[in-house]
Amino acid sequence: MPLIAQGPGDLPSQADLLSMSGLEFMQGILDGTVPAPPIGSTLGYALHHVADGTATFHGTPTFKTTNPMGTVHGGWYGTLLDSAMACAVMTKVPRGAIYTTLEYKINITRTIPLGMTIACTGTVDHAGRSTGVATGEIRGVDDGKLYATGSTTCLIMTLR
């Protein structure tokens, strides 16, 4: 079900969101019928692939994403992992429900070189009536190296 945004970057209404399953919503972001959240353009990443129980974002860190030492800020890793893992959980959310991240953890294994494109994939391990659990990893698109891993627990809530 396509959404009609009022203007560029508008997010769908709660009624629009609740009328779709989480997978339909995520597929809408991928095909452009649902506006993507603005944090992706701010931090240089976008949804690349979505399927039942998985979501992959591609991103490229730039100087704007560095810490005072000139390396990619840990918050960039965390934001991408939170997005991929939580959006993977979103693909399991039924119509009439929403989710939110309850907690997440990341482990950075190596620094990502500036300008290198990465793939950040989240995969659902469990999706129940009230919780979803997922894991994620960041890998280089060209080199396949593992740059970070993560895990999350999300709350799934039915709205009435």
C-alpha atoms as a PDB file:
ATOM      1  CA  MET A   1       0.000   0.000   0.000  1.00  0.00           C
ATOM      2  CA  PRO A   2       1.767   3.170  -1.157  1.00  0.00           C
ATOM      3  CA  LEU A   3       1.837   6.146   1.169  1.00  0.00           C
ATOM      4  CA  ILE A   4       1.311   9.677   0.038  1.00  0.00           C
ATOM      5  CA  ALA A   5       3.816  11.937   1.751  1.00  0.00           C
ATOM      6  CA  GLN A   6       2.881  15.569   2.234  1.00  0.00           C
ATOM      7  CA  GLY A   7       6.352  16.719   1.240  1.00  0.00           C
ATOM      8  CA  PRO A   8       9.953  15.536   0.857  1.00  0.00           C
ATOM      9  CA  GLY A   9      11.147  13.645   3.905  1.00  0.00           C
ATOM     10  CA  ASP A  10       7.721  13.448   5.552  1.00  0.00           C
ATOM     11  CA  LEU A  11       7.254  10.361   7.644  1.00  0.00           C
ATOM     12  CA  PRO A  12       4.052   8.340   7.315  1.00  0.00           C
ATOM     13  CA  SER A  13       1.254   8.892   9.807  1.00  0.00           C
ATOM     14  CA  GLN A  14       0.692   6.425  12.630  1.00  0.00           C
ATOM     15  CA  ALA A  15      -2.447   5.201  10.821  1.00  0.00           C
ATOM     16  CA  ASP A  16      -0.412   4.558   7.658  1.00  0.00           C
ATOM     17  CA  LEU A  17       2.239   2.706   9.643  1.00  0.00           C
ATOM     18  CA  LEU A  18      -0.299   0.544  11.467  1.00  0.00           C
ATOM     19  CA  SER A  19      -2.050  -0.397   8.215  1.00  0.00           C
ATOM     20  CA  MET A  20       1.047  -2.273   6.991  1.00  0.00           C
ATOM     21  CA  SER A  21       3.080  -5.153   8.287  1.00  0.00           C
ATOM     22  CA  GLY A  22       6.636  -4.269   9.242  1.00  0.00           C
ATOM     23  CA  LEU A  23       7.928  -6.093   6.167  1.00  0.00           C
ATOM     24  CA  GLU A  24       5.590  -4.092   3.901  1.00  0.00           C
ATOM     25  CA  PHE A  25       6.764  -0.883   5.562  1.00  0.00           C
ATOM     26  CA  MET A  26      10.437  -1.758   5.082  1.00  0.00           C
ATOM     27  CA  GLN A  27       9.823  -2.782   1.468  1.00  0.00           C
ATOM     28  CA  GLY A  28       8.153   0.612   0.976  1.00  0.00           C
ATOM     29  CA  ILE A  29      11.301   2.369   2.177  1.00  0.00           C
ATOM     30  CA  LEU A  30      13.378   0.278  -0.222  1.00  0.00           C
ATOM     31  CA  ASP A  31      11.142   0.986  -3.242  1.00  0.00           C
ATOM     32  CA  GLY A  32      10.635   4.662  -2.342  1.00  0.00           C
ATOM     33  CA  THR A  33       6.890   4.594  -1.591  1.00  0.00           C
ATOM     34  CA  VAL A  34       7.668   5.226   2.101  1.00  0.00           C
ATOM     35  CA  PRO A  35      10.137   8.012   2.896  1.00  0.00           C
ATOM     36  CA  ALA A  36      13.424   6.882   4.418  1.00  0.00           C
ATOM     37  CA  PRO A  37      14.278   8.294   7.840  1.00  0.00           C
ATOM     38  CA  PRO A  38      16.494  11.397   7.488  1.00  0.00           C
ATOM     39  CA  ILE A  39      19.270  10.008   9.708  1.00  0.00           C
ATOM     40  CA  GLY A  40      20.460   7.895   6.757  1.00  0.00           C
ATOM     41  CA  SER A  41      21.225  10.890   4.569  1.00  0.00           C
ATOM     42  CA  THR A  42      22.741  12.715   7.542  1.00  0.00           C
ATOM     43  CA  LEU A  43      25.174   9.880   8.304  1.00  0.00           C
ATOM     44  CA  GLY A  44      25.739   8.548   4.775  1.00  0.00           C
ATOM     45  CA  TYR A  45      23.891   5.224   4.716  1.00  0.00           C
ATOM     46  CA  ALA A  46      20.759   3.791   3.106  1.00  0.00           C
ATOM     47  CA  LEU A  47      18.678   0.638   3.024  1.00  0.00           C
ATOM     48  CA  HIS A  48      20.101  -1.721   0.412  1.00  0.00           C
ATOM     49  CA  HIS A  49      18.140  -4.970   0.888  1.00  0.00           C
ATOM     50  CA  VAL A  50      15.235  -6.184   3.000  1.00  0.00           C
ATOM     51  CA  ALA A  51      13.558  -9.586   3.347  1.00  0.00           C
ATOM     52  CA  ASP A  52      11.679 -11.478   6.025  1.00  0.00           C
ATOM     53  CA  GLY A  53      13.948 -11.417   9.087  1.00  0.00           C
ATOM     54  CA  THR A  54      16.835  -9.464   7.583  1.00  0.00           C
ATOM     55  CA  ALA A  55      17.806  -5.923   6.606  1.00  0.00           C
ATOM     56  CA  THR A  56      21.023  -4.660   5.019  1.00  0.00           C
ATOM     57  CA  PHE A  57      22.219  -1.077   4.822  1.00  0.00           C
ATOM     58  CA  HIS A  58      25.182   0.207   2.814  1.00  0.00           C
ATOM     59  CA  GLY A  59      27.154   3.151   4.082  1.00  0.00           C
ATOM     60  CA  THR A  60      30.359   5.049   3.506  1.00  0.00           C
ATOM     61  CA  PRO A  61      31.944   6.965   6.373  1.00  0.00           C
ATOM     62  CA  THR A  62      33.351  10.393   5.573  1.00  0.00           C
ATOM     63  CA  PHE A  63      35.294  12.974   7.540  1.00  0.00           C
ATOM     64  CA  LYS A  64      31.949  14.199   8.963  1.00  0.00           C
ATOM     65  CA  THR A  65      31.617  10.851  10.826  1.00  0.00           C
ATOM     66  CA  THR A  66      34.998  10.946  12.570  1.00  0.00           C
ATOM     67  CA  ASN A  67      35.938  11.429  16.203  1.00  0.00           C
ATOM     68  CA  PRO A  68      38.658  13.872  17.400  1.00  0.00           C
ATOM     69  CA  MET A  69      41.351  11.291  16.509  1.00  0.00           C
ATOM     70  CA  GLY A  70      40.225  11.246  12.866  1.00  0.00           C
ATOM     71  CA  THR A  71      38.835   7.698  12.889  1.00  0.00           C
ATOM     72  CA  VAL A  72      35.214   6.650  12.381  1.00  0.00           C
ATOM     73  CA  HIS A  73      33.236   7.494  15.513  1.00  0.00           C
ATOM     74  CA  GLY A  74      31.842   4.537  17.453  1.00  0.00           C
ATOM     75  CA  GLY A  75      28.411   6.142  17.235  1.00  0.00           C
ATOM     76  CA  TRP A  76      28.472   5.638  13.463  1.00  0.00           C
ATOM     77  CA  TYR A  77      29.022   1.902  13.915  1.00  0.00           C
ATOM     78  CA  GLY A  78      26.312   1.851  16.591  1.00  0.00           C
ATOM     79  CA  THR A  79      23.787   3.760  14.505  1.00  0.00           C
ATOM     80  CA  LEU A  80      24.235   1.477  11.508  1.00  0.00           C
ATOM     81  CA  LEU A  81      24.036  -1.668  13.629  1.00  0.00           C
ATOM     82  CA  ASP A  82      20.982  -0.366  15.506  1.00  0.00           C
ATOM     83  CA  SER A  83      19.312   0.457  12.180  1.00  0.00           C
ATOM     84  CA  ALA A  84      20.030  -2.926  10.567  1.00  0.00           C
ATOM     85  CA  MET A  85      19.186  -5.059  13.596  1.00  0.00           C
ATOM     86  CA  ALA A  86      16.039  -3.131  14.532  1.00  0.00           C
ATOM     87  CA  CYS A  87      14.823  -2.981  10.929  1.00  0.00           C
ATOM     88  CA  ALA A  88      15.323  -6.749  10.686  1.00  0.00           C
ATOM     89  CA  VAL A  89      13.026  -7.059  13.724  1.00  0.00           C
ATOM     90  CA  MET A  90      10.620  -4.625  12.024  1.00  0.00           C
ATOM     91  CA  THR A  91      10.182  -7.139   9.174  1.00  0.00           C
ATOM     92  CA  LYS A  92       8.574  -9.471  11.737  1.00  0.00           C
ATOM     93  CA  VAL A  93       6.184  -6.894  13.238  1.00  0.00           C
ATOM     94  CA  PRO A  94       2.534  -7.566  12.335  1.00  0.00           C
ATOM     95  CA  ARG A  95      -0.030  -5.012  11.158  1.00  0.00           C
ATOM     96  CA  GLY A  96      -1.256  -2.870  14.015  1.00  0.00           C
ATOM     97  CA  ALA A  97       2.027  -3.074  15.940  1.00  0.00           C
ATOM     98  CA  ILE A  98       5.233  -1.069  16.263  1.00  0.00           C
ATOM     99  CA  TYR A  99       8.649  -1.705  17.775  1.00  0.00           C
ATOM    100  CA  THR A 100      11.380   0.177  19.566  1.00  0.00           C
ATOM    101  CA  THR A 101      14.929  -0.704  20.535  1.00  0.00           C
ATOM    102  CA  LEU A 102      15.145  -1.679  24.198  1.00  0.00           C
ATOM    103  CA  GLU A 103      18.923  -2.181  24.268  1.00  0.00           C
ATOM    104  CA  TYR A 104      21.799  -2.931  21.953  1.00  0.00           C
ATOM    105  CA  LYS A 105      25.466  -3.744  22.197  1.00  0.00           C
ATOM    106  CA  ILE A 106      28.257  -3.427  19.673  1.00  0.00           C
ATOM    107  CA  ASN A 107      31.797  -4.760  19.381  1.00  0.00           C
ATOM    108  CA  ILE A 108      34.157  -2.903  17.053  1.00  0.00           C
ATOM    109  CA  THR A 109      36.812  -5.249  15.698  1.00  0.00           C
ATOM    110  CA  ARG A 110      38.723  -2.810  13.469  1.00  0.00           C
ATOM    111  CA  THR A 111      38.469   0.717  12.166  1.00  0.00           C
ATOM    112  CA  ILE A 112      36.694   1.335   8.871  1.00  0.00           C
ATOM    113  CA  PRO A 113      38.807   3.353   6.437  1.00  0.00           C
ATOM    114  CA  LEU A 114      37.197   6.643   5.426  1.00  0.00           C
ATOM    115  CA  GLY A 115      35.536   6.387   2.031  1.00  0.00           C
ATOM    116  CA  MET A 116      35.164   2.594   2.138  1.00  0.00           C
ATOM    117  CA  THR A 117      31.657   1.245   1.533  1.00  0.00           C
ATOM    118  CA  ILE A 118      30.393  -1.216   4.104  1.00  0.00           C
ATOM    119  CA  ALA A 119      27.395  -3.529   4.341  1.00  0.00           C
ATOM    120  CA  CYS A 120      25.651  -3.677   7.694  1.00  0.00           C
ATOM    121  CA  THR A 121      23.280  -6.632   7.993  1.00  0.00           C
ATOM    122  CA  GLY A 122      20.837  -7.407  10.773  1.00  0.00           C
ATOM    123  CA  THR A 123      19.316 -10.874  11.186  1.00  0.00           C
ATOM    124  CA  VAL A 124      16.451 -11.849  13.481  1.00  0.00           C
ATOM    125  CA  ASP A 125      17.164 -14.633  15.961  1.00  0.00           C
ATOM    126  CA  HIS A 126      13.740 -14.460  17.660  1.00  0.00           C
ATOM    127  CA  ALA A 127      10.534 -12.521  17.098  1.00  0.00           C
ATOM    128  CA  GLY A 128       7.698 -13.118  19.510  1.00  0.00           C
ATOM    129  CA  ARG A 129       4.559 -11.330  20.619  1.00  0.00           C
ATOM    130  CA  SER A 130       6.399  -8.731  22.699  1.00  0.00           C
ATOM    131  CA  THR A 131      10.132  -8.991  21.970  1.00  0.00           C
ATOM    132  CA  GLY A 132      12.460  -9.347  19.041  1.00  0.00           C
ATOM    133  CA  VAL A 133      16.131 -10.324  19.248  1.00  0.00           C
ATOM    134  CA  ALA A 134      18.594  -9.790  16.415  1.00  0.00           C
ATOM    135  CA  THR A 135      22.305  -9.809  15.660  1.00  0.00           C
ATOM    136  CA  GLY A 136      24.248  -7.742  13.187  1.00  0.00           C
ATOM    137  CA  GLU A 137      27.576  -7.311  11.503  1.00  0.00           C
ATOM    138  CA  ILE A 138      29.406  -4.695   9.512  1.00  0.00           C
ATOM    139  CA  ARG A 139      31.593  -6.008   6.677  1.00  0.00           C
ATOM    140  CA  GLY A 140      33.503  -4.297   3.913  1.00  0.00           C
ATOM    141  CA  VAL A 141      31.693  -4.587   0.586  1.00  0.00           C
ATOM    142  CA  ASP A 142      34.953  -5.079  -1.332  1.00  0.00           C
ATOM    143  CA  ASP A 143      37.209  -6.767   1.217  1.00  0.00           C
ATOM    144  CA  GLY A 144      34.612  -8.846   3.125  1.00  0.00           C
ATOM    145  CA  LYS A 145      36.420  -8.125   6.409  1.00  0.00           C
ATOM    146  CA  LEU A 146      34.448  -7.985   9.641  1.00  0.00           C
ATOM    147  CA  TYR A 147      34.531  -4.487  11.175  1.00  0.00           C
ATOM    148  CA  ALA A 148      31.933  -4.776  13.949  1.00  0.00           C
ATOM    149  CA  THR A 149      29.223  -6.992  15.405  1.00  0.00           C
ATOM    150  CA  GLY A 150      26.172  -6.260  17.489  1.00  0.00           C
ATOM    151  CA  SER A 151      23.122  -7.643  19.233  1.00  0.00           C
ATOM    152  CA  THR A 152      19.795  -6.082  20.164  1.00  0.00           C
ATOM    153  CA  THR A 153      16.539  -6.654  21.970  1.00  0.00           C
ATOM    154  CA  CYS A 154      13.495  -4.765  20.723  1.00  0.00           C
ATOM    155  CA  LEU A 155      10.053  -4.342  22.255  1.00  0.00           C
ATOM    156  CA  ILE A 156       7.123  -5.165  19.974  1.00  0.00           C
ATOM    157  CA  MET A 157       3.961  -3.318  20.962  1.00  0.00           C
ATOM    158  CA  THR A 158       0.408  -3.621  19.654  1.00  0.00           C
ATOM    159  CA  LEU A 159      -1.355  -0.260  19.523  1.00  0.00           C
ATOM    160  CA  ARG A 160      -5.065  -0.057  20.069  1.00  0.00           C
END
